[in-house]
Amino acid sequence: MTVIVNGEPREVPDGATVASVVAAVTQATAGVAVALNDEVVRRAEWPATPVRDADRLEVLTAVQGG
């Protein structure tokens, strides 16, 4: 199925979850936030939150700088 991740189409397997999509997008283990169809998903809910065809995900990673 195809979902939109950070504005780009991406193929993900049936049964994908927010957690599996995040793992495919970034290796960061901290400082990551996700919105699914414009709703923030709490990290504890990522493994149990399914992703469906045509869903929109925004995966944001905090970056240090100075």
PDB file of N, CA and C in Angstrom:
ATOM      1  N   MET A   1       0.848  -1.171   0.000  1.00  0.00           N
ATOM      2  CA  MET A   1       0.000   0.000   0.000  1.00  0.00           C
ATOM      3  C   MET A   1       0.893   1.234   0.000  1.00  0.00           C
ATOM      4  N   THR A   2       0.319   2.338  -0.390  1.00  0.00           N
ATOM      5  CA  THR A   2       1.077   3.582  -0.479  1.00  0.00           C
ATOM      6  C   THR A   2       0.582   4.560   0.569  1.00  0.00           C
ATOM      7  N   VAL A   3       1.528   5.124   1.324  1.00  0.00           N
ATOM      8  CA  VAL A   3       1.231   6.183   2.286  1.00  0.00           C
ATOM      9  C   VAL A   3       2.105   7.382   1.921  1.00  0.00           C
ATOM     10  N   ILE A   4       1.753   8.520   2.458  1.00  0.00           N
ATOM     11  CA  ILE A   4       2.535   9.732   2.220  1.00  0.00           C
ATOM     12  C   ILE A   4       3.321  10.019   3.493  1.00  0.00           C
ATOM     13  N   VAL A   5       4.638  10.008   3.394  1.00  0.00           N
ATOM     14  CA  VAL A   5       5.510  10.265   4.538  1.00  0.00           C
ATOM     15  C   VAL A   5       6.310  11.525   4.247  1.00  0.00           C
ATOM     16  N   ASN A   6       6.109  12.538   5.080  1.00  0.00           N
ATOM     17  CA  ASN A   6       6.791  13.822   4.900  1.00  0.00           C
ATOM     18  C   ASN A   6       6.615  14.356   3.475  1.00  0.00           C
ATOM     19  N   GLY A   7       5.397  14.181   2.952  1.00  0.00           N
ATOM     20  CA  GLY A   7       5.068  14.719   1.641  1.00  0.00           C
ATOM     21  C   GLY A   7       5.459  13.862   0.459  1.00  0.00           C
ATOM     22  N   GLU A   8       6.076  12.702   0.700  1.00  0.00           N
ATOM     23  CA  GLU A   8       6.526  11.827  -0.379  1.00  0.00           C
ATOM     24  C   GLU A   8       5.814  10.483  -0.312  1.00  0.00           C
ATOM     25  N   PRO A   9       5.368   9.952  -1.453  1.00  0.00           N
ATOM     26  CA  PRO A   9       4.751   8.618  -1.434  1.00  0.00           C
ATOM     27  C   PRO A   9       5.775   7.556  -1.047  1.00  0.00           C
ATOM     28  N   ARG A  10       5.333   6.587  -0.270  1.00  0.00           N
ATOM     29  CA  ARG A  10       6.216   5.508   0.167  1.00  0.00           C
ATOM     30  C   ARG A  10       5.393   4.229   0.224  1.00  0.00           C
ATOM     31  N   GLU A  11       5.953   3.156  -0.312  1.00  0.00           N
ATOM     32  CA  GLU A  11       5.304   1.852  -0.245  1.00  0.00           C
ATOM     33  C   GLU A  11       5.615   1.210   1.106  1.00  0.00           C
ATOM     34  N   VAL A  12       4.580   0.733   1.773  1.00  0.00           N
ATOM     35  CA  VAL A  12       4.744   0.016   3.043  1.00  0.00           C
ATOM     36  C   VAL A  12       3.925  -1.261   2.958  1.00  0.00           C
ATOM     37  N   PRO A  13       4.317  -2.295   3.682  1.00  0.00           N
ATOM     38  CA  PRO A  13       3.568  -3.554   3.618  1.00  0.00           C
ATOM     39  C   PRO A  13       2.217  -3.444   4.322  1.00  0.00           C
ATOM     40  N   ASP A  14       1.279  -4.270   3.899  1.00  0.00           N
ATOM     41  CA  ASP A  14       0.007  -4.366   4.614  1.00  0.00           C
ATOM     42  C   ASP A  14       0.301  -4.718   6.069  1.00  0.00           C
ATOM     43  N   GLY A  15      -0.442  -4.149   6.985  1.00  0.00           N
ATOM     44  CA  GLY A  15      -0.229  -4.407   8.398  1.00  0.00           C
ATOM     45  C   GLY A  15       0.815  -3.510   9.030  1.00  0.00           C
ATOM     46  N   ALA A  16       1.321  -2.537   8.274  1.00  0.00           N
ATOM     47  CA  ALA A  16       2.322  -1.620   8.824  1.00  0.00           C
ATOM     48  C   ALA A  16       1.719  -0.801   9.961  1.00  0.00           C
ATOM     49  N   THR A  17       2.591  -0.414  10.879  1.00  0.00           N
ATOM     50  CA  THR A  17       2.187   0.435  11.998  1.00  0.00           C
ATOM     51  C   THR A  17       2.988   1.728  11.947  1.00  0.00           C
ATOM     52  N   VAL A  18       2.589   2.679  12.757  1.00  0.00           N
ATOM     53  CA  VAL A  18       3.357   3.916  12.853  1.00  0.00           C
ATOM     54  C   VAL A  18       4.804   3.581  13.229  1.00  0.00           C
ATOM     55  N   ALA A  19       4.999   2.655  14.166  1.00  0.00           N
ATOM     56  CA  ALA A  19       6.353   2.286  14.597  1.00  0.00           C
ATOM     57  C   ALA A  19       7.191   1.754  13.438  1.00  0.00           C
ATOM     58  N   SER A  20       6.611   0.920  12.586  1.00  0.00           N
ATOM     59  CA  SER A  20       7.386   0.355  11.486  1.00  0.00           C
ATOM     60  C   SER A  20       7.716   1.407  10.433  1.00  0.00           C
ATOM     61  N   VAL A  21       6.819   2.352  10.214  1.00  0.00           N
ATOM     62  CA  VAL A  21       7.104   3.428   9.264  1.00  0.00           C
ATOM     63  C   VAL A  21       8.205   4.331   9.809  1.00  0.00           C
ATOM     64  N   VAL A  22       8.129   4.673  11.081  1.00  0.00           N
ATOM     65  CA  VAL A  22       9.163   5.508  11.689  1.00  0.00           C
ATOM     66  C   VAL A  22      10.522   4.818  11.581  1.00  0.00           C
ATOM     67  N   ALA A  23      10.569   3.526  11.854  1.00  0.00           N
ATOM     68  CA  ALA A  23      11.831   2.783  11.776  1.00  0.00           C
ATOM     69  C   ALA A  23      12.399   2.790  10.357  1.00  0.00           C
ATOM     70  N   ALA A  24      11.532   2.826   9.355  1.00  0.00           N
ATOM     71  CA  ALA A  24      11.991   2.859   7.972  1.00  0.00           C
ATOM     72  C   ALA A  24      12.492   4.238   7.555  1.00  0.00           C
ATOM     73  N   VAL A  25      12.049   5.279   8.271  1.00  0.00           N
ATOM     74  CA  VAL A  25      12.377   6.647   7.903  1.00  0.00           C
ATOM     75  C   VAL A  25      13.607   7.169   8.639  1.00  0.00           C
ATOM     76  N   THR A  26      13.762   6.799   9.904  1.00  0.00           N
ATOM     77  CA  THR A  26      14.865   7.335  10.701  1.00  0.00           C
ATOM     78  C   THR A  26      15.386   6.285  11.673  1.00  0.00           C
ATOM     79  N   GLN A  27      16.668   6.376  11.975  1.00  0.00           N
ATOM     80  CA  GLN A  27      17.271   5.498  12.973  1.00  0.00           C
ATOM     81  C   GLN A  27      17.320   6.168  14.338  1.00  0.00           C
ATOM     82  N   ALA A  28      16.839   7.401  14.414  1.00  0.00           N
ATOM     83  CA  ALA A  28      16.829   8.121  15.685  1.00  0.00           C
ATOM     84  C   ALA A  28      15.946   7.398  16.689  1.00  0.00           C
ATOM     85  N   THR A  29      16.417   7.320  17.921  1.00  0.00           N
ATOM     86  CA  THR A  29      15.640   6.657  18.968  1.00  0.00           C
ATOM     87  C   THR A  29      15.035   7.655  19.947  1.00  0.00           C
ATOM     88  N   ALA A  30      15.419   8.906  19.836  1.00  0.00           N
ATOM     89  CA  ALA A  30      14.878   9.944  20.719  1.00  0.00           C
ATOM     90  C   ALA A  30      14.653  11.201  19.894  1.00  0.00           C
ATOM     91  N   GLY A  31      13.797  12.057  20.387  1.00  0.00           N
ATOM     92  CA  GLY A  31      13.544  13.316  19.716  1.00  0.00           C
ATOM     93  C   GLY A  31      12.733  13.183  18.445  1.00  0.00           C
ATOM     94  N   VAL A  32      11.882  12.164  18.373  1.00  0.00           N
ATOM     95  CA  VAL A  32      11.061  11.937  17.190  1.00  0.00           C
ATOM     96  C   VAL A  32       9.599  12.147  17.562  1.00  0.00           C
ATOM     97  N   ALA A  33       8.878  12.861  16.708  1.00  0.00           N
ATOM     98  CA  ALA A  33       7.438  13.057  16.887  1.00  0.00           C
ATOM     99  C   ALA A  33       6.745  12.661  15.589  1.00  0.00           C
ATOM    100  N   VAL A  34       5.511  12.164  15.715  1.00  0.00           N
ATOM    101  CA  VAL A  34       4.769  11.706  14.543  1.00  0.00           C
ATOM    102  C   VAL A  34       3.348  12.242  14.575  1.00  0.00           C
ATOM    103  N   ALA A  35       2.894  12.691  13.414  1.00  0.00           N
ATOM    104  CA  ALA A  35       1.486  13.033  13.224  1.00  0.00           C
ATOM    105  C   ALA A  35       0.943  12.125  12.126  1.00  0.00           C
ATOM    106  N   LEU A  36      -0.195  11.524  12.389  1.00  0.00           N
ATOM    107  CA  LEU A  36      -0.877  10.658  11.429  1.00  0.00           C
ATOM    108  C   LEU A  36      -2.165  11.365  11.039  1.00  0.00           C
ATOM    109  N   ASN A  37      -2.265  11.738   9.772  1.00  0.00           N
ATOM    110  CA  ASN A  37      -3.434  12.479   9.288  1.00  0.00           C
ATOM    111  C   ASN A  37      -3.720  13.698  10.169  1.00  0.00           C
ATOM    112  N   ASP A  38      -2.666  14.432  10.469  1.00  0.00           N
ATOM    113  CA  ASP A  38      -2.722  15.698  11.231  1.00  0.00           C
ATOM    114  C   ASP A  38      -3.024  15.535  12.714  1.00  0.00           C
ATOM    115  N   GLU A  39      -2.956  14.328  13.241  1.00  0.00           N
ATOM    116  CA  GLU A  39      -3.157  14.083  14.671  1.00  0.00           C
ATOM    117  C   GLU A  39      -1.877  13.502  15.258  1.00  0.00           C
ATOM    118  N   VAL A  40      -1.364  14.120  16.307  1.00  0.00           N
ATOM    119  CA  VAL A  40      -0.150  13.619  16.956  1.00  0.00           C
ATOM    120  C   VAL A  40      -0.434  12.251  17.575  1.00  0.00           C
ATOM    121  N   VAL A  41       0.503  11.330  17.365  1.00  0.00           N
ATOM    122  CA  VAL A  41       0.402   9.977  17.936  1.00  0.00           C
ATOM    123  C   VAL A  41       1.467   9.856  19.020  1.00  0.00           C
ATOM    124  N   ARG A  42       1.038   9.538  20.232  1.00  0.00           N
ATOM    125  CA  ARG A  42       1.999   9.383  21.325  1.00  0.00           C
ATOM    126  C   ARG A  42       2.882   8.168  21.066  1.00  0.00           C
ATOM    127  N   ARG A  43       4.142   8.286  21.459  1.00  0.00           N
ATOM    128  CA  ARG A  43       5.130   7.223  21.202  1.00  0.00           C
ATOM    129  C   ARG A  43       4.657   5.860  21.709  1.00  0.00           C
ATOM    130  N   ALA A  44       4.040   5.818  22.866  1.00  0.00           N
ATOM    131  CA  ALA A  44       3.576   4.546  23.432  1.00  0.00           C
ATOM    132  C   ALA A  44       2.527   3.877  22.541  1.00  0.00           C
ATOM    133  N   GLU A  45       1.874   4.652  21.679  1.00  0.00           N
ATOM    134  CA  GLU A  45       0.831   4.111  20.815  1.00  0.00           C
ATOM    135  C   GLU A  45       1.332   3.712  19.422  1.00  0.00           C
ATOM    136  N   TRP A  46       2.581   4.042  19.094  1.00  0.00           N
ATOM    137  CA  TRP A  46       3.096   3.747  17.761  1.00  0.00           C
ATOM    138  C   TRP A  46       2.966   2.283  17.363  1.00  0.00           C
ATOM    139  N   PRO A  47       3.376   1.333  18.219  1.00  0.00           N
ATOM    140  CA  PRO A  47       3.316  -0.072  17.792  1.00  0.00           C
ATOM    141  C   PRO A  47       1.898  -0.587  17.546  1.00  0.00           C
ATOM    142  N   ALA A  48       0.915   0.010  18.174  1.00  0.00           N
ATOM    143  CA  ALA A  48      -0.469  -0.466  18.057  1.00  0.00           C
ATOM    144  C   ALA A  48      -1.302   0.380  17.094  1.00  0.00           C
ATOM    145  N   THR A  49      -0.710   1.395  16.482  1.00  0.00           N
ATOM    146  CA  THR A  49      -1.461   2.273  15.583  1.00  0.00           C
ATOM    147  C   THR A  49      -1.232   1.844  14.141  1.00  0.00           C
ATOM    148  N   PRO A  50      -2.269   1.289  13.501  1.00  0.00           N
ATOM    149  CA  PRO A  50      -2.103   0.828  12.119  1.00  0.00           C
ATOM    150  C   PRO A  50      -2.031   1.994  11.144  1.00  0.00           C
ATOM    151  N   VAL A  51      -1.364   1.743  10.034  1.00  0.00           N
ATOM    152  CA  VAL A  51      -1.288   2.696   8.936  1.00  0.00           C
ATOM    153  C   VAL A  51      -2.101   2.100   7.795  1.00  0.00           C
ATOM    154  N   ARG A  52      -2.931   2.933   7.199  1.00  0.00           N
ATOM    155  CA  ARG A  52      -3.801   2.469   6.113  1.00  0.00           C
ATOM    156  C   ARG A  52      -3.417   3.150   4.804  1.00  0.00           C
ATOM    157  N   ASP A  53      -3.817   2.548   3.714  1.00  0.00           N
ATOM    158  CA  ASP A  53      -3.538   3.084   2.391  1.00  0.00           C
ATOM    159  C   ASP A  53      -3.955   4.553   2.321  1.00  0.00           C
ATOM    160  N   ALA A  54      -3.092   5.383   1.768  1.00  0.00           N
ATOM    161  CA  ALA A  54      -3.308   6.815   1.558  1.00  0.00           C
ATOM    162  C   ALA A  54      -3.222   7.655   2.832  1.00  0.00           C
ATOM    163  N   ASP A  55      -2.843   7.062   3.973  1.00  0.00           N
ATOM    164  CA  ASP A  55      -2.630   7.858   5.181  1.00  0.00           C
ATOM    165  C   ASP A  55      -1.466   8.822   4.959  1.00  0.00           C
ATOM    166  N   ARG A  56      -1.484   9.918   5.709  1.00  0.00           N
ATOM    167  CA  ARG A  56      -0.417  10.915   5.671  1.00  0.00           C
ATOM    168  C   ARG A  56       0.303  10.932   7.011  1.00  0.00           C
ATOM    169  N   LEU A  57       1.609  10.728   6.976  1.00  0.00           N
ATOM    170  CA  LEU A  57       2.418  10.778   8.192  1.00  0.00           C
ATOM    171  C   LEU A  57       3.458  11.872   8.064  1.00  0.00           C
ATOM    172  N   GLU A  58       3.637  12.590   9.142  1.00  0.00           N
ATOM    173  CA  GLU A  58       4.738  13.541   9.252  1.00  0.00           C
ATOM    174  C   GLU A  58       5.637  13.025  10.366  1.00  0.00           C
ATOM    175  N   VAL A  59       6.868  12.732  10.037  1.00  0.00           N
ATOM    176  CA  VAL A  59       7.843  12.233  11.013  1.00  0.00           C
ATOM    177  C   VAL A  59       8.866  13.347  11.198  1.00  0.00           C
ATOM    178  N   LEU A  60       8.889  13.884  12.418  1.00  0.00           N
ATOM    179  CA  LEU A  60       9.769  15.010  12.714  1.00  0.00           C
ATOM    180  C   LEU A  60      10.845  14.577  13.692  1.00  0.00           C
ATOM    181  N   THR A  61      12.082  14.974  13.418  1.00  0.00           N
ATOM    182  CA  THR A  61      13.204  14.641  14.281  1.00  0.00           C
ATOM    183  C   THR A  61      13.859  15.927  14.779  1.00  0.00           C
ATOM    184  N   ALA A  62      14.036  16.013  16.082  1.00  0.00           N
ATOM    185  CA  ALA A  62      14.711  17.177  16.662  1.00  0.00           C
ATOM    186  C   ALA A  62      16.179  17.166  16.262  1.00  0.00           C
ATOM    187  N   VAL A  63      16.699  18.342  15.968  1.00  0.00           N
ATOM    188  CA  VAL A  63      18.099  18.466  15.554  1.00  0.00           C
ATOM    189  C   VAL A  63      18.765  19.502  16.452  1.00  0.00           C
ATOM    190  N   GLN A  64      19.920  19.120  16.986  1.00  0.00           N
ATOM    191  CA  GLN A  64      20.679  20.072  17.784  1.00  0.00           C
ATOM    192  C   GLN A  64      21.486  20.966  16.876  1.00  0.00           C
ATOM    193  N   GLY A  65      21.670  22.156  17.298  1.00  0.00           N
ATOM    194  CA  GLY A  65      22.471  23.084  16.505  1.00  0.00           C
ATOM    195  C   GLY A  65      22.847  24.285  17.344  1.00  0.00           C
ATOM    196  N   GLY A  66      23.567  25.132  16.741  1.00  0.00           N
ATOM    197  CA  GLY A  66      23.924  26.301  17.526  1.00  0.00           C
ATOM    198  C   GLY A  66      24.617  27.334  16.796  1.00  0.00           C
TER     199      GLY A  66
END
